[in-house]
Amino acid sequence: MLTQQQEQLIETTAPVVAQHLEAITQRFYPLMFARYPEVASLFNAAHQQSGAQQRALAGAVLAYVQLRQDPAKAREVLGIVVEKHVSLGIQPDQYPIVGECLMAAIGEVLGEAVTPDIANAWSALYGELAGLLIELEEQRYRAFAEQPGGWRGLRRFCIAATRQESAMIRSFVLEPEDGGPVADHAPGQYIGVRLTIEGEPVYRHYSLSDIPNGRSYRVSIKREAEGRVSRHFHDVLAVGDSVDLLPPAGELILADGEEPLLLASGGVGQTPMLPLARQALSRGRRVVYLHAALDAEHHAFRKEVEALRQAHPSQFQAVAIHERGDAGDHIGRIDRELLERYLPAGKPRCYFVGPQGFMSAIDEALAELGVEEERRHFEHFGPSRPLDAA
């Protein structure tokens, strides 16, 4: 617990730290990777280069400083961080590494302004935040391990089958090598994957693109031209090869209720939408399913979506939006006019996933159409950041 003097120092110096926080986080990651190269594999290099990881860390620190006097709200806001950490298997002994390097970065950026008392106050604040995250993550690890088919840490899975879903997206069905059952996940969640490339461990998150079945998980991965891991999945891995999985995680899950749903996706953002649609339809809810793709060749899961339409003709409406060609229901992009046309009446819940600009545009349009913020749900494939960051 922080002393009264430390509380006052945090309050006094928070605006200065906030002003320089992006510079601090930009210094923090290179410093940490130089001192502790073994942790670099936990981070996506592309997110480092784009600055997304740095902005996400800065946002989390600022949020905690602002919300720590409201523990319930702080836990809620940190939920996204906890989910990402669980899917990476983050452990308590890794937090001191972050604390040491974060304080070193603060010292380098702010220089002599960081007195010993100020440094101690911010160290104590970080210790408080780390303790809360460790507590929340332990709860998640324990709860998942206690489920039928659950586990703790890494579990080895083999590729049981693959299927090309579009020109760029391929599905991989993963079954446990130990032959045991597989714990359920919530439709819409993602899973942490660890594999070894050129002798180095690398971690990624991929959405689980099918509903739970107790036997396997399915991930559907877009081959990115500069994506080290996605290219490895597409170009190197085959049926019979193995990967390690961490527990499923993520907060993009179906909210309870009976109201209709609008699901909108762009490109590979369709992967969490498909299981959400299946779950909602199984509960008798109406679903409007909008998917944007470049063209028919790049439109994944068309047969699965059509099967859902045939199985639920009165509940399910699927709309394809293509930027080119004549195989879609609309040519162009999902915009305000199209959303207004297909938005279910009443108070629908809206879920949308895709590139940052895609989600920003949809979120803004839905707000203009009167959909309240609490009924607009989205999730980033990479580090979380505000939708207006684009």
Protein backbone atom coordinates (compact mmCIF):
# COMPACT_ATOMS: atom_id res chain seq x y z
CA MET A 1 0.00 0.00 0.00
CA LEU A 2 1.29 3.44 -0.91
CA THR A 3 2.02 5.89 1.89
CA GLN A 4 0.21 9.22 2.03
CA GLN A 5 3.38 10.97 0.85
CA GLN A 6 3.66 8.58 -2.11
CA GLU A 7 0.00 9.17 -3.00
CA GLN A 8 0.67 12.90 -3.06
CA LEU A 9 3.79 12.47 -5.19
CA ILE A 10 1.88 10.33 -7.70
CA GLU A 11 -0.87 12.92 -7.91
CA THR A 12 1.63 15.74 -8.36
CA THR A 13 3.86 14.04 -10.93
CA ALA A 14 1.23 12.09 -12.91
CA PRO A 15 0.66 14.93 -15.44
CA VAL A 16 4.39 15.11 -16.16
CA VAL A 17 4.70 11.35 -16.56
CA ALA A 18 1.58 11.30 -18.75
CA GLN A 19 3.06 14.02 -20.96
CA HIS A 20 6.19 11.92 -21.56
CA LEU A 21 4.63 8.47 -21.32
CA GLU A 22 4.91 7.59 -24.99
CA ALA A 23 8.60 8.50 -24.98
CA ILE A 24 9.02 6.41 -21.83
CA THR A 25 7.37 3.34 -23.37
CA GLN A 26 9.35 3.76 -26.60
CA ARG A 27 12.53 3.60 -24.53
CA PHE A 28 11.22 0.86 -22.26
CA TYR A 29 10.91 -1.95 -24.82
CA PRO A 30 14.41 -1.68 -26.39
CA LEU A 31 15.88 -1.42 -22.90
CA MET A 32 14.00 -4.51 -21.68
CA PHE A 33 14.90 -6.56 -24.74
CA ALA A 34 18.58 -5.62 -24.34
CA ARG A 35 18.65 -6.59 -20.66
CA TYR A 36 16.35 -9.61 -20.92
CA PRO A 37 16.35 -10.91 -24.51
CA GLU A 38 14.46 -14.01 -23.43
CA VAL A 39 11.21 -12.03 -23.13
CA ALA A 40 11.34 -10.61 -26.68
CA SER A 41 9.59 -13.68 -28.09
CA LEU A 42 6.42 -12.73 -26.19
CA PHE A 43 5.99 -9.63 -28.36
CA ASN A 44 5.02 -9.23 -32.00
CA ALA A 45 7.82 -7.33 -33.76
CA ALA A 46 5.35 -5.72 -36.18
CA HIS A 47 3.44 -4.19 -33.27
CA GLN A 48 6.71 -2.84 -31.90
CA GLN A 49 7.60 -1.23 -35.21
CA SER A 50 4.17 0.35 -35.64
CA GLY A 51 4.18 1.74 -32.10
CA ALA A 52 0.94 -0.08 -31.23
CA GLN A 53 2.51 -1.99 -28.35
CA GLN A 54 3.98 1.17 -26.84
CA ARG A 55 0.66 3.00 -27.05
CA ALA A 56 -1.16 0.07 -25.47
CA LEU A 57 1.21 0.02 -22.50
CA ALA A 58 0.95 3.79 -22.08
CA GLY A 59 -2.82 3.58 -22.16
CA ALA A 60 -2.92 0.83 -19.55
CA VAL A 61 -0.64 2.73 -17.17
CA LEU A 62 -2.63 5.94 -17.54
CA ALA A 63 -5.92 4.11 -17.07
CA TYR A 64 -4.71 2.54 -13.86
CA VAL A 65 -3.43 5.84 -12.46
CA GLN A 66 -6.81 7.42 -13.14
CA LEU A 67 -8.95 4.52 -11.88
CA ARG A 68 -7.03 3.00 -8.99
CA GLN A 69 -9.22 4.71 -6.40
CA ASP A 70 -12.15 2.69 -7.80
CA PRO A 71 -10.92 -0.93 -7.48
CA ALA A 72 -13.96 -2.46 -9.20
CA LYS A 73 -13.60 -0.19 -12.22
CA ALA A 74 -9.83 -0.74 -12.31
CA ARG A 75 -10.36 -4.50 -12.45
CA GLU A 76 -12.86 -4.08 -15.25
CA VAL A 77 -10.57 -1.87 -17.32
CA LEU A 78 -7.59 -4.19 -16.78
CA GLY A 79 -9.63 -7.16 -17.99
CA ILE A 80 -8.32 -6.78 -21.54
CA VAL A 81 -4.72 -6.80 -20.27
CA VAL A 82 -5.41 -9.90 -18.17
CA GLU A 83 -6.87 -11.75 -21.17
CA LYS A 84 -3.83 -10.97 -23.33
CA HIS A 85 -1.48 -12.06 -20.53
CA VAL A 86 -3.35 -15.32 -19.97
CA SER A 87 -3.06 -16.19 -23.66
CA LEU A 88 0.71 -15.64 -23.36
CA GLY A 89 1.13 -17.54 -20.10
CA ILE A 90 2.60 -14.53 -18.27
CA GLN A 91 3.97 -15.52 -14.86
CA PRO A 92 4.57 -13.57 -11.61
CA ASP A 93 8.37 -13.74 -11.92
CA GLN A 94 8.19 -11.72 -15.16
CA TYR A 95 6.70 -8.64 -13.48
CA PRO A 96 9.91 -7.55 -11.69
CA ILE A 97 11.64 -7.47 -15.11
CA VAL A 98 9.02 -5.06 -16.42
CA GLY A 99 9.16 -2.95 -13.25
CA GLU A 100 12.94 -2.63 -13.34
CA CYS A 101 13.02 -1.63 -17.00
CA LEU A 102 10.03 0.70 -16.77
CA MET A 103 11.61 2.63 -13.91
CA ALA A 104 14.91 2.77 -15.79
CA ALA A 105 13.11 4.20 -18.82
CA ILE A 106 11.35 6.81 -16.66
CA GLY A 107 14.72 7.81 -15.23
CA GLU A 108 16.33 8.12 -18.66
CA VAL A 109 13.50 10.20 -20.13
CA LEU A 110 12.82 12.50 -17.17
CA GLY A 111 16.38 12.69 -15.89
CA GLU A 112 17.07 14.63 -12.68
CA ALA A 113 13.38 15.40 -12.23
CA VAL A 114 13.01 11.85 -10.88
CA THR A 115 14.14 12.21 -7.28
CA PRO A 116 14.58 9.11 -5.08
CA ASP A 117 11.23 9.80 -3.43
CA ILE A 118 9.45 10.11 -6.77
CA ALA A 119 11.12 6.94 -8.03
CA ASN A 120 10.05 5.06 -4.91
CA ALA A 121 6.47 6.30 -5.28
CA TRP A 122 6.19 5.15 -8.90
CA SER A 123 7.87 1.84 -8.05
CA ALA A 124 5.26 1.33 -5.35
CA LEU A 125 2.49 2.18 -7.82
CA TYR A 126 3.85 -0.34 -10.31
CA GLY A 127 4.07 -2.95 -7.54
CA GLU A 128 0.42 -2.35 -6.72
CA LEU A 129 -0.58 -2.73 -10.38
CA ALA A 130 1.55 -5.85 -10.80
CA GLY A 131 0.04 -7.41 -7.70
CA LEU A 132 -3.47 -6.83 -9.01
CA LEU A 133 -2.66 -8.31 -12.41
CA ILE A 134 -1.00 -11.35 -10.84
CA GLU A 135 -4.08 -11.93 -8.69
CA LEU A 136 -6.51 -11.64 -11.62
CA GLU A 137 -4.38 -13.83 -13.89
CA GLU A 138 -4.03 -16.54 -11.24
CA GLN A 139 -7.82 -16.64 -10.94
CA ARG A 140 -8.11 -17.19 -14.69
CA TYR A 141 -5.37 -19.84 -14.82
CA ARG A 142 -6.91 -21.78 -11.95
CA ALA A 143 -10.47 -21.59 -13.27
CA PHE A 144 -9.47 -22.86 -16.71
CA ALA A 145 -7.28 -25.67 -15.35
CA GLU A 146 -10.20 -26.90 -13.24
CA GLN A 147 -12.53 -27.22 -16.25
CA PRO A 148 -12.97 -30.63 -17.88
CA GLY A 149 -10.29 -30.75 -20.56
CA GLY A 150 -8.50 -27.72 -19.13
CA TRP A 151 -4.80 -27.36 -18.45
CA ARG A 152 -2.22 -24.97 -17.05
CA GLY A 153 0.72 -23.61 -19.02
CA LEU A 154 1.47 -25.07 -22.43
CA ARG A 155 -0.25 -28.08 -23.97
CA ARG A 156 0.93 -29.73 -27.16
CA PHE A 157 -1.54 -30.02 -30.04
CA CYS A 158 -1.07 -31.50 -33.50
CA ILE A 159 -2.54 -30.31 -36.79
CA ALA A 160 -5.25 -32.85 -37.57
CA ALA A 161 -6.62 -31.20 -40.72
CA THR A 162 -6.36 -28.06 -42.83
CA ARG A 163 -8.72 -26.36 -45.26
CA GLN A 164 -8.21 -23.42 -47.60
CA GLU A 165 -11.05 -20.99 -46.87
CA SER A 166 -10.09 -18.27 -49.35
CA ALA A 167 -7.11 -17.09 -51.37
CA MET A 168 -5.39 -15.92 -48.19
CA ILE A 169 -7.05 -17.70 -45.24
CA ARG A 170 -6.49 -21.32 -44.21
CA SER A 171 -8.08 -23.19 -41.31
CA PHE A 172 -6.09 -25.49 -39.03
CA VAL A 173 -7.86 -28.05 -36.84
CA LEU A 174 -5.79 -28.72 -33.71
CA GLU A 175 -6.17 -31.84 -31.56
CA PRO A 176 -4.28 -32.57 -28.29
CA GLU A 177 -1.40 -35.01 -28.65
CA ASP A 178 -2.27 -36.57 -25.28
CA GLY A 179 -5.64 -37.68 -26.69
CA GLY A 180 -7.56 -36.10 -23.83
CA PRO A 181 -10.64 -33.88 -23.97
CA VAL A 182 -10.46 -30.19 -24.81
CA ALA A 183 -11.98 -27.55 -22.55
CA ASP A 184 -14.77 -25.39 -23.93
CA HIS A 185 -14.13 -21.80 -24.89
CA ALA A 186 -16.57 -18.94 -25.28
CA PRO A 187 -17.38 -18.26 -28.95
CA GLY A 188 -15.57 -15.09 -29.97
CA GLN A 189 -12.44 -15.82 -27.94
CA TYR A 190 -8.89 -16.28 -29.23
CA ILE A 191 -6.11 -18.66 -28.21
CA GLY A 192 -2.39 -18.24 -27.59
CA VAL A 193 -0.08 -20.25 -29.86
CA ARG A 194 3.61 -20.90 -29.30
CA LEU A 195 5.80 -22.43 -31.95
CA THR A 196 9.48 -22.53 -32.77
CA ILE A 197 10.82 -20.88 -35.91
CA GLU A 198 14.52 -21.14 -36.74
CA GLY A 199 15.21 -22.27 -33.20
CA GLU A 200 13.41 -19.32 -31.57
CA PRO A 201 10.10 -19.48 -29.69
CA VAL A 202 7.40 -17.11 -30.96
CA TYR A 203 3.91 -16.37 -29.62
CA ARG A 204 0.78 -15.26 -31.42
CA HIS A 205 -2.97 -14.98 -30.77
CA TYR A 206 -5.53 -16.38 -33.21
CA SER A 207 -9.30 -16.29 -33.00
CA LEU A 208 -11.03 -19.62 -32.53
CA SER A 209 -13.18 -19.83 -35.64
CA ASP A 210 -15.59 -22.58 -34.59
CA ILE A 211 -17.82 -23.34 -31.62
CA PRO A 212 -16.59 -25.71 -28.86
CA ASN A 213 -16.78 -29.44 -29.54
CA GLY A 214 -14.73 -30.98 -26.69
CA ARG A 215 -12.24 -32.58 -29.11
CA SER A 216 -10.34 -29.87 -30.96
CA TYR A 217 -9.86 -26.18 -31.65
CA ARG A 218 -9.91 -24.49 -35.04
CA VAL A 219 -7.92 -21.39 -35.97
CA SER A 220 -8.18 -19.72 -39.37
CA ILE A 221 -5.10 -17.72 -40.30
CA LYS A 222 -4.57 -15.12 -43.00
CA ARG A 223 -1.22 -15.37 -44.75
CA GLU A 224 0.42 -11.97 -44.36
CA ALA A 225 3.21 -11.17 -46.81
CA GLU A 226 5.38 -9.84 -43.97
CA GLY A 227 3.94 -12.10 -41.27
CA ARG A 228 6.66 -14.37 -39.97
CA VAL A 229 4.29 -16.68 -38.10
CA SER A 230 1.39 -16.67 -40.56
CA ARG A 231 3.79 -17.54 -43.40
CA HIS A 232 5.20 -20.36 -41.28
CA PHE A 233 1.70 -21.79 -40.78
CA HIS A 234 0.87 -21.55 -44.48
CA ASP A 235 4.20 -22.43 -46.04
CA VAL A 236 5.84 -24.84 -43.57
CA LEU A 237 3.38 -26.51 -41.21
CA ALA A 238 1.27 -29.44 -42.39
CA VAL A 239 -1.00 -32.15 -41.04
CA GLY A 240 0.84 -34.05 -38.31
CA ASP A 241 2.99 -31.12 -37.18
CA SER A 242 2.71 -29.81 -33.61
CA VAL A 243 2.22 -26.49 -31.86
CA ASP A 244 1.81 -25.52 -28.20
CA LEU A 245 -1.39 -23.86 -27.03
CA LEU A 246 -2.15 -21.67 -24.03
CA PRO A 247 -5.63 -21.16 -22.52
CA PRO A 248 -8.31 -19.45 -24.64
CA ALA A 249 -8.91 -15.83 -23.69
CA GLY A 250 -10.73 -12.70 -24.78
CA GLU A 251 -13.75 -10.64 -23.83
CA LEU A 252 -15.55 -10.47 -27.19
CA ILE A 253 -18.28 -12.86 -26.09
CA LEU A 254 -22.04 -12.95 -26.60
CA ALA A 255 -23.94 -10.84 -24.10
CA ASP A 256 -26.97 -12.43 -22.48
CA GLY A 257 -30.35 -11.33 -23.76
CA GLU A 258 -32.82 -11.80 -26.57
CA GLU A 259 -32.19 -8.67 -28.63
CA PRO A 260 -31.14 -9.11 -32.28
CA LEU A 261 -27.52 -8.90 -33.35
CA LEU A 262 -25.61 -7.12 -36.08
CA LEU A 263 -22.27 -8.81 -36.79
CA ALA A 264 -19.90 -6.95 -39.10
CA SER A 265 -16.45 -8.12 -40.16
CA GLY A 266 -13.72 -7.14 -42.55
CA GLY A 267 -11.31 -9.69 -44.01
CA VAL A 268 -9.99 -12.15 -41.43
CA GLY A 269 -12.08 -10.33 -38.81
CA GLN A 270 -14.75 -12.86 -39.74
CA THR A 271 -13.07 -15.55 -37.62
CA PRO A 272 -14.66 -14.60 -34.26
CA MET A 273 -17.95 -13.57 -35.90
CA LEU A 274 -18.76 -17.02 -37.25
CA PRO A 275 -18.85 -18.80 -33.85
CA LEU A 276 -20.72 -15.85 -32.34
CA ALA A 277 -23.35 -16.23 -35.07
CA ARG A 278 -23.66 -19.96 -34.46
CA GLN A 279 -24.11 -19.46 -30.74
CA ALA A 280 -26.69 -16.70 -31.16
CA LEU A 281 -28.69 -18.71 -33.67
CA SER A 282 -28.69 -21.75 -31.37
CA ARG A 283 -30.32 -19.50 -28.75
CA GLY A 284 -33.05 -18.35 -31.08
CA ARG A 285 -31.74 -14.83 -31.67
CA ARG A 286 -31.96 -12.99 -34.95
CA VAL A 287 -28.61 -12.29 -36.64
CA VAL A 288 -27.71 -9.90 -39.45
CA TYR A 289 -24.27 -10.90 -40.72
CA LEU A 290 -22.32 -8.34 -42.77
CA HIS A 291 -18.96 -9.34 -44.20
CA ALA A 292 -16.63 -7.17 -46.28
CA ALA A 293 -14.01 -8.76 -48.54
CA LEU A 294 -11.89 -7.66 -51.46
CA ASP A 295 -13.72 -9.98 -53.86
CA ALA A 296 -15.15 -13.50 -54.12
CA GLU A 297 -11.69 -15.07 -54.17
CA HIS A 298 -10.85 -13.44 -50.84
CA HIS A 299 -14.23 -14.13 -49.18
CA ALA A 300 -13.78 -16.96 -46.64
CA PHE A 301 -16.38 -19.31 -45.14
CA ARG A 302 -19.02 -18.68 -47.81
CA LYS A 303 -20.26 -22.28 -47.68
CA GLU A 304 -20.49 -22.25 -43.88
CA VAL A 305 -22.41 -19.00 -43.90
CA GLU A 306 -24.79 -20.30 -46.58
CA ALA A 307 -25.39 -23.45 -44.53
CA LEU A 308 -26.37 -21.27 -41.58
CA ARG A 309 -28.75 -19.32 -43.79
CA GLN A 310 -30.43 -22.48 -44.98
CA ALA A 311 -30.66 -23.90 -41.46
CA HIS A 312 -32.10 -20.67 -40.00
CA PRO A 313 -33.94 -18.92 -42.86
CA SER A 314 -36.12 -16.76 -40.61
CA GLN A 315 -33.35 -15.83 -38.14
CA PHE A 316 -30.26 -15.31 -40.24
CA GLN A 317 -29.52 -12.73 -42.93
CA ALA A 318 -26.09 -12.76 -44.55
CA VAL A 319 -24.86 -9.85 -46.67
CA ALA A 320 -21.61 -9.90 -48.68
CA ILE A 321 -19.88 -6.61 -49.49
CA HIS A 322 -17.05 -6.80 -52.02
CA GLU A 323 -14.78 -3.98 -53.14
CA ARG A 324 -14.63 -5.36 -56.66
CA GLY A 325 -16.28 -7.96 -58.88
CA ASP A 326 -19.95 -8.87 -59.14
CA ALA A 327 -20.29 -11.79 -56.68
CA GLY A 328 -21.28 -9.73 -53.64
CA ASP A 329 -24.61 -8.33 -52.59
CA HIS A 330 -23.06 -4.85 -52.58
CA ILE A 331 -20.01 -3.33 -54.20
CA GLY A 332 -17.93 -1.01 -52.03
CA ARG A 333 -17.47 -0.95 -48.28
CA ILE A 334 -19.59 -1.11 -45.15
CA ASP A 335 -20.60 2.50 -44.53
CA ARG A 336 -23.23 4.40 -42.59
CA GLU A 337 -25.85 4.07 -45.32
CA LEU A 338 -25.44 0.30 -45.52
CA LEU A 339 -25.46 -0.07 -41.73
CA GLU A 340 -28.66 1.97 -41.52
CA ARG A 341 -30.24 -0.28 -44.14
CA TYR A 342 -29.48 -3.53 -42.32
CA LEU A 343 -29.43 -2.49 -38.65
CA PRO A 344 -32.14 -4.53 -36.88
CA ALA A 345 -34.97 -2.56 -35.34
CA GLY A 346 -35.18 -2.00 -31.61
CA LYS A 347 -32.03 -2.08 -29.52
CA PRO A 348 -29.65 -4.47 -31.30
CA ARG A 349 -26.22 -5.43 -30.06
CA CYS A 350 -23.49 -4.84 -32.60
CA TYR A 351 -20.22 -6.75 -32.83
CA PHE A 352 -17.51 -5.77 -35.31
CA VAL A 353 -13.93 -6.85 -35.96
CA GLY A 354 -11.50 -5.93 -38.70
CA PRO A 355 -8.68 -3.49 -39.46
CA GLN A 356 -8.39 -0.43 -37.22
CA GLY A 357 -9.84 1.97 -39.77
CA PHE A 358 -12.73 -0.40 -40.49
CA MET A 359 -13.68 -0.63 -36.81
CA SER A 360 -13.32 3.13 -36.28
CA ALA A 361 -15.66 3.88 -39.20
CA ILE A 362 -18.26 1.37 -38.07
CA ASP A 363 -18.14 2.52 -34.46
CA GLU A 364 -18.65 6.14 -35.52
CA ALA A 365 -21.50 5.26 -37.88
CA LEU A 366 -23.29 3.14 -35.28
CA ALA A 367 -23.00 5.94 -32.75
CA GLU A 368 -24.56 8.33 -35.26
CA LEU A 369 -27.36 5.81 -35.82
CA GLY A 370 -28.17 5.83 -32.10
CA VAL A 371 -26.55 2.57 -30.97
CA GLU A 372 -25.38 3.14 -27.40
CA GLU A 373 -21.73 2.56 -26.53
CA GLU A 374 -22.57 -0.37 -24.25
CA ARG A 375 -24.18 -2.14 -27.23
CA ARG A 376 -21.16 -1.71 -29.49
CA HIS A 377 -18.61 -4.52 -29.05
CA PHE A 378 -15.22 -4.92 -30.75
CA GLU A 379 -11.79 -6.36 -30.15
CA HIS A 380 -8.33 -5.70 -31.58
CA PHE A 381 -6.27 -8.53 -33.03
CA GLY A 382 -3.13 -6.75 -31.79
CA PRO A 383 -2.51 -4.44 -28.83
CA SER A 384 -5.67 -2.65 -27.72
CA ARG A 385 -6.04 1.05 -28.41
CA PRO A 386 -8.90 3.55 -28.71
CA LEU A 387 -10.87 3.30 -31.93
CA ASP A 388 -10.22 6.96 -32.66
CA ALA A 389 -6.46 6.29 -32.69
CA ALA A 390 -6.63 5.84 -36.47
